Amino acid sequence: MKHGKKYLESLKLVDAQKLYDTEEAIELVLQTAKAKFDETVELSIKLGVDPRHADQQVRGVVVLPNGTGKKVRILAIAKGERAAEAEAAGADYVGAEEMVAKIQNENWFDYDVIVTTPDMMGLVGRLGKVLGPKGLMPNPKSGTVAADLSRAINEIKAGKVEYRVDKTAIVHVPIGKASFGKDKLVENLNVLMEAIIKAKPSVSKGTYLKSVALSTTMGPGIRLNAAKF
């Protein structure tokens, strides 16, 4: 793969053999944010679990204290009072059967998150094959199926992120934007790492945090000292 000039300049700043402490890594990752847009800072964690086994799944949600810096477009599938509640909480789109039909017939995906109530899952379930592959299917574990839609929407807007181990045993989660600065990114990172450590499956043996790395949207990876967590 050929890399651009800015990437190669950033790569020179990083010692590939070194495991950086958190604050030093954040300072360095900010130096590698050379794009003209506000780059996202992402945390990637290789876990010592086997995702093929149900009892070794690592998944959950956490509200980052400083948010993600991204405006999240929310679709609420609800009726009656719950629909009014979702509108009042600031959902970008609200509806029921008509929204399901729009997704089915028009392949409509102009939203980032879908929230719904438990009684609507029979309707939403029809979209499983469409939403599932895109990671948009509402799920109680991610807090997107909830009786209290107002709370669910407010948490998402406040910076709630979902972490989930993929089939290669890696978790990828954004922790904010480069414009946040060091202190806010450090705080977000520590809150996220605490949640992932608490989510360690009881059956997982050996080293849980195999490797931890930070990167910006267009920058190189910077390895952190996982033992410090």
Protein backbone atom coordinates (compact mmCIF):
# COMPACT_ATOMS: atom_id res chain seq x y z
CA MET A 1 0.00 0.00 0.00
CA LYS A 2 1.29 3.44 -0.92
CA HIS A 3 0.99 6.12 1.74
CA GLY A 4 0.84 9.88 1.30
CA LYS A 5 3.48 12.40 2.30
CA LYS A 6 1.68 13.47 5.49
CA TYR A 7 1.28 9.86 6.65
CA LEU A 8 4.97 9.16 6.08
CA GLU A 9 5.88 12.33 7.99
CA SER A 10 3.70 11.19 10.90
CA LEU A 11 5.20 7.70 10.78
CA LYS A 12 8.65 9.17 11.45
CA LEU A 13 7.37 10.52 14.78
CA VAL A 14 6.39 7.07 16.04
CA ASP A 15 8.79 4.51 17.52
CA ALA A 16 7.27 1.21 16.36
CA GLN A 17 9.19 -0.72 19.03
CA LYS A 18 8.03 1.42 21.95
CA LEU A 19 5.01 0.94 24.20
CA TYR A 20 3.82 4.42 25.15
CA ASP A 21 2.14 5.54 28.36
CA THR A 22 -1.34 6.99 27.89
CA GLU A 23 -0.60 10.72 28.07
CA GLU A 24 2.50 10.43 25.89
CA ALA A 25 0.55 8.40 23.34
CA ILE A 26 -2.26 10.97 23.23
CA GLU A 27 0.22 13.83 22.76
CA LEU A 28 1.86 11.90 19.93
CA VAL A 29 -1.39 10.92 18.23
CA LEU A 30 -2.39 14.59 18.17
CA GLN A 31 0.88 15.42 16.41
CA THR A 32 -0.02 12.89 13.69
CA ALA A 33 -3.40 14.56 12.99
CA LYS A 34 -2.30 16.41 9.88
CA ALA A 35 -5.47 16.21 7.74
CA LYS A 36 -7.46 19.31 6.81
CA PHE A 37 -10.52 17.96 8.66
CA ASP A 38 -10.99 17.23 12.36
CA GLU A 39 -9.76 13.64 12.55
CA THR A 40 -11.34 11.02 14.78
CA VAL A 41 -9.09 9.36 17.35
CA GLU A 42 -9.74 5.63 17.54
CA LEU A 43 -8.72 3.03 20.09
CA SER A 44 -8.06 -0.53 18.91
CA ILE A 45 -7.71 -3.33 21.46
CA LYS A 46 -6.67 -6.91 20.74
CA LEU A 47 -8.24 -9.14 23.39
CA GLY A 48 -7.25 -12.58 24.62
CA VAL A 49 -10.68 -14.08 23.94
CA ASP A 50 -12.13 -16.43 21.34
CA PRO A 51 -15.16 -14.64 19.84
CA ARG A 52 -16.40 -17.91 18.34
CA HIS A 53 -17.64 -18.88 21.80
CA ALA A 54 -20.76 -17.17 23.19
CA ASP A 55 -19.29 -17.03 26.71
CA GLN A 56 -16.27 -15.08 25.45
CA GLN A 57 -18.13 -12.26 23.76
CA VAL A 58 -17.13 -8.78 24.92
CA ARG A 59 -19.83 -6.22 24.27
CA GLY A 60 -21.29 -3.26 26.07
CA VAL A 61 -21.90 0.47 26.08
CA VAL A 62 -20.28 3.37 27.87
CA VAL A 63 -20.98 7.10 27.93
CA LEU A 64 -17.76 8.98 27.21
CA PRO A 65 -17.55 11.96 29.60
CA ASN A 66 -16.59 14.33 26.79
CA GLY A 67 -18.70 12.78 24.05
CA THR A 68 -17.44 11.65 20.64
CA GLY A 69 -17.53 14.96 18.79
CA LYS A 70 -19.82 13.44 16.19
CA LYS A 71 -23.41 14.52 15.56
CA VAL A 72 -25.41 11.30 15.69
CA ARG A 73 -28.54 11.02 13.56
CA ILE A 74 -31.18 9.04 15.43
CA LEU A 75 -34.17 7.19 14.02
CA ALA A 76 -36.82 6.33 16.61
CA ILE A 77 -39.32 3.65 15.67
CA ALA A 78 -42.23 4.24 18.00
CA LYS A 79 -45.94 5.07 18.22
CA GLY A 80 -48.20 7.33 20.25
CA GLU A 81 -46.77 8.74 23.46
CA ARG A 82 -43.42 7.07 22.87
CA ALA A 83 -43.14 8.74 19.45
CA ALA A 84 -43.91 12.14 21.00
CA GLU A 85 -41.35 11.44 23.70
CA ALA A 86 -38.71 10.61 21.07
CA GLU A 87 -39.45 13.82 19.15
CA ALA A 88 -39.18 15.89 22.32
CA ALA A 89 -35.83 14.24 23.15
CA GLY A 90 -34.44 15.28 19.78
CA ALA A 91 -34.68 12.20 17.56
CA ASP A 92 -34.02 13.19 13.95
CA TYR A 93 -36.64 10.85 12.49
CA VAL A 94 -39.68 9.31 14.21
CA GLY A 95 -42.23 6.85 12.90
CA ALA A 96 -43.37 3.24 12.83
CA GLU A 97 -44.64 1.18 9.88
CA GLU A 98 -43.87 3.96 7.41
CA MET A 99 -40.22 4.02 8.52
CA VAL A 100 -39.90 0.26 8.23
CA ALA A 101 -41.42 0.41 4.73
CA LYS A 102 -39.04 3.22 3.75
CA ILE A 103 -36.04 1.13 4.81
CA GLN A 104 -37.36 -1.98 3.04
CA ASN A 105 -38.40 -0.30 -0.18
CA GLU A 106 -35.84 2.50 -0.55
CA ASN A 107 -32.75 1.09 1.20
CA TRP A 108 -32.87 4.20 3.37
CA PHE A 109 -29.90 4.60 5.73
CA ASP A 110 -29.62 8.33 6.43
CA TYR A 111 -29.21 7.76 10.18
CA ASP A 112 -26.54 6.41 12.52
CA VAL A 113 -28.58 4.75 15.28
CA ILE A 114 -32.05 3.23 15.56
CA VAL A 115 -33.85 3.22 18.91
CA THR A 116 -37.15 1.55 19.62
CA THR A 117 -39.35 0.21 22.42
CA PRO A 118 -39.68 -3.49 23.32
CA ASP A 119 -43.26 -3.67 21.98
CA MET A 120 -42.08 -2.54 18.53
CA MET A 121 -39.45 -5.25 18.10
CA GLY A 122 -41.93 -7.50 16.27
CA LEU A 123 -42.12 -4.82 13.58
CA VAL A 124 -38.43 -3.92 13.62
CA GLY A 125 -37.47 -7.60 13.52
CA ARG A 126 -38.54 -7.71 9.86
CA LEU A 127 -35.50 -5.59 9.09
CA GLY A 128 -32.97 -7.99 10.64
CA LYS A 129 -31.40 -9.07 7.35
CA VAL A 130 -31.08 -5.45 6.23
CA LEU A 131 -29.96 -3.79 9.47
CA GLY A 132 -27.91 -6.62 10.95
CA PRO A 133 -25.00 -6.53 8.48
CA LYS A 134 -24.74 -2.76 8.93
CA GLY A 135 -24.69 -2.99 12.73
CA LEU A 136 -27.89 -0.95 12.98
CA MET A 137 -30.24 -3.52 14.50
CA PRO A 138 -31.58 -2.27 17.87
CA ASN A 139 -30.50 -4.39 20.80
CA PRO A 140 -31.28 -4.25 24.54
CA LYS A 141 -27.56 -4.80 25.34
CA SER A 142 -26.62 -1.64 23.48
CA GLY A 143 -29.45 0.33 25.09
CA THR A 144 -31.21 0.91 21.77
CA VAL A 145 -34.26 -1.14 22.78
CA ALA A 146 -35.66 0.69 25.79
CA ALA A 147 -38.96 1.55 27.40
CA ASP A 148 -37.58 5.01 28.24
CA LEU A 149 -36.78 6.40 24.80
CA SER A 150 -36.05 9.86 26.12
CA ARG A 151 -33.24 8.56 28.30
CA ALA A 152 -31.88 6.34 25.52
CA ILE A 153 -31.77 9.25 23.08
CA ASN A 154 -30.21 11.63 25.60
CA GLU A 155 -27.45 9.12 26.40
CA ILE A 156 -26.64 8.64 22.73
CA LYS A 157 -26.46 12.39 22.18
CA ALA A 158 -24.30 12.74 25.30
CA GLY A 159 -21.66 10.45 23.81
CA LYS A 160 -22.65 6.85 24.41
CA VAL A 161 -20.59 4.42 22.34
CA GLU A 162 -20.90 0.69 21.89
CA TYR A 163 -17.85 -1.55 22.05
CA ARG A 164 -17.98 -5.03 20.59
CA VAL A 165 -15.27 -7.58 19.87
CA ASP A 166 -15.13 -8.56 16.20
CA LYS A 167 -14.35 -11.99 14.76
CA THR A 168 -10.61 -11.27 14.95
CA ALA A 169 -10.89 -10.53 18.71
CA ILE A 170 -10.33 -6.80 18.20
CA VAL A 171 -12.44 -3.94 19.58
CA HIS A 172 -12.42 -0.66 17.61
CA VAL A 173 -13.96 2.38 19.34
CA PRO A 174 -13.71 6.14 18.65
CA ILE A 175 -12.73 8.17 21.71
CA GLY A 176 -13.24 11.66 20.30
CA LYS A 177 -11.85 14.18 17.86
CA ALA A 178 -8.33 15.56 17.57
CA SER A 179 -9.75 19.01 18.41
CA PHE A 180 -10.65 17.75 21.91
CA GLY A 181 -7.06 18.13 23.07
CA LYS A 182 -5.07 15.86 25.36
CA ASP A 183 -7.00 16.09 28.64
CA LYS A 184 -10.44 15.24 27.23
CA LEU A 185 -9.10 12.38 25.14
CA VAL A 186 -7.20 10.92 28.10
CA GLU A 187 -10.36 11.05 30.20
CA ASN A 188 -12.45 9.37 27.49
CA LEU A 189 -9.81 6.69 26.94
CA ASN A 190 -9.56 5.83 30.64
CA VAL A 191 -13.35 5.53 31.02
CA LEU A 192 -13.55 3.25 27.98
CA MET A 193 -10.65 1.06 29.09
CA GLU A 194 -12.18 0.68 32.56
CA ALA A 195 -15.45 -0.53 30.98
CA ILE A 196 -13.70 -3.04 28.71
CA ILE A 197 -11.63 -4.43 31.57
CA LYS A 198 -14.78 -4.87 33.68
CA ALA A 199 -16.38 -6.71 30.74
CA LYS A 200 -13.70 -9.43 30.78
CA PRO A 201 -15.43 -12.84 30.48
CA SER A 202 -14.95 -15.03 33.54
CA VAL A 203 -13.83 -17.92 31.32
CA SER A 204 -11.06 -15.87 29.69
CA LYS A 205 -7.64 -17.12 30.81
CA GLY A 206 -4.18 -15.69 30.31
CA THR A 207 -3.50 -12.17 29.05
CA TYR A 208 -6.75 -10.28 28.44
CA LEU A 209 -5.31 -7.08 26.92
CA LYS A 210 -3.02 -8.43 24.21
CA SER A 211 -2.34 -5.04 22.64
CA VAL A 212 -3.73 -1.51 22.71
CA ALA A 213 -3.19 1.07 19.98
CA LEU A 214 -4.29 4.60 19.13
CA SER A 215 -4.58 6.20 15.72
CA THR A 216 -6.22 9.11 13.98
CA THR A 217 -8.36 8.73 10.84
CA MET A 218 -5.38 9.26 8.54
CA GLY A 219 -2.47 8.55 10.88
CA PRO A 220 -0.31 5.58 11.90
CA GLY A 221 -0.95 3.34 14.89
CA ILE A 222 0.69 4.11 18.24
CA ARG A 223 1.03 1.22 20.65
CA LEU A 224 0.23 1.75 24.32
CA ASN A 225 1.63 -0.08 27.31
CA ALA A 226 -1.31 -2.40 28.00
CA ALA A 227 0.19 -3.51 31.31
CA LYS A 228 -0.45 -0.02 32.73
CA PHE A 229 -4.20 -0.67 32.53
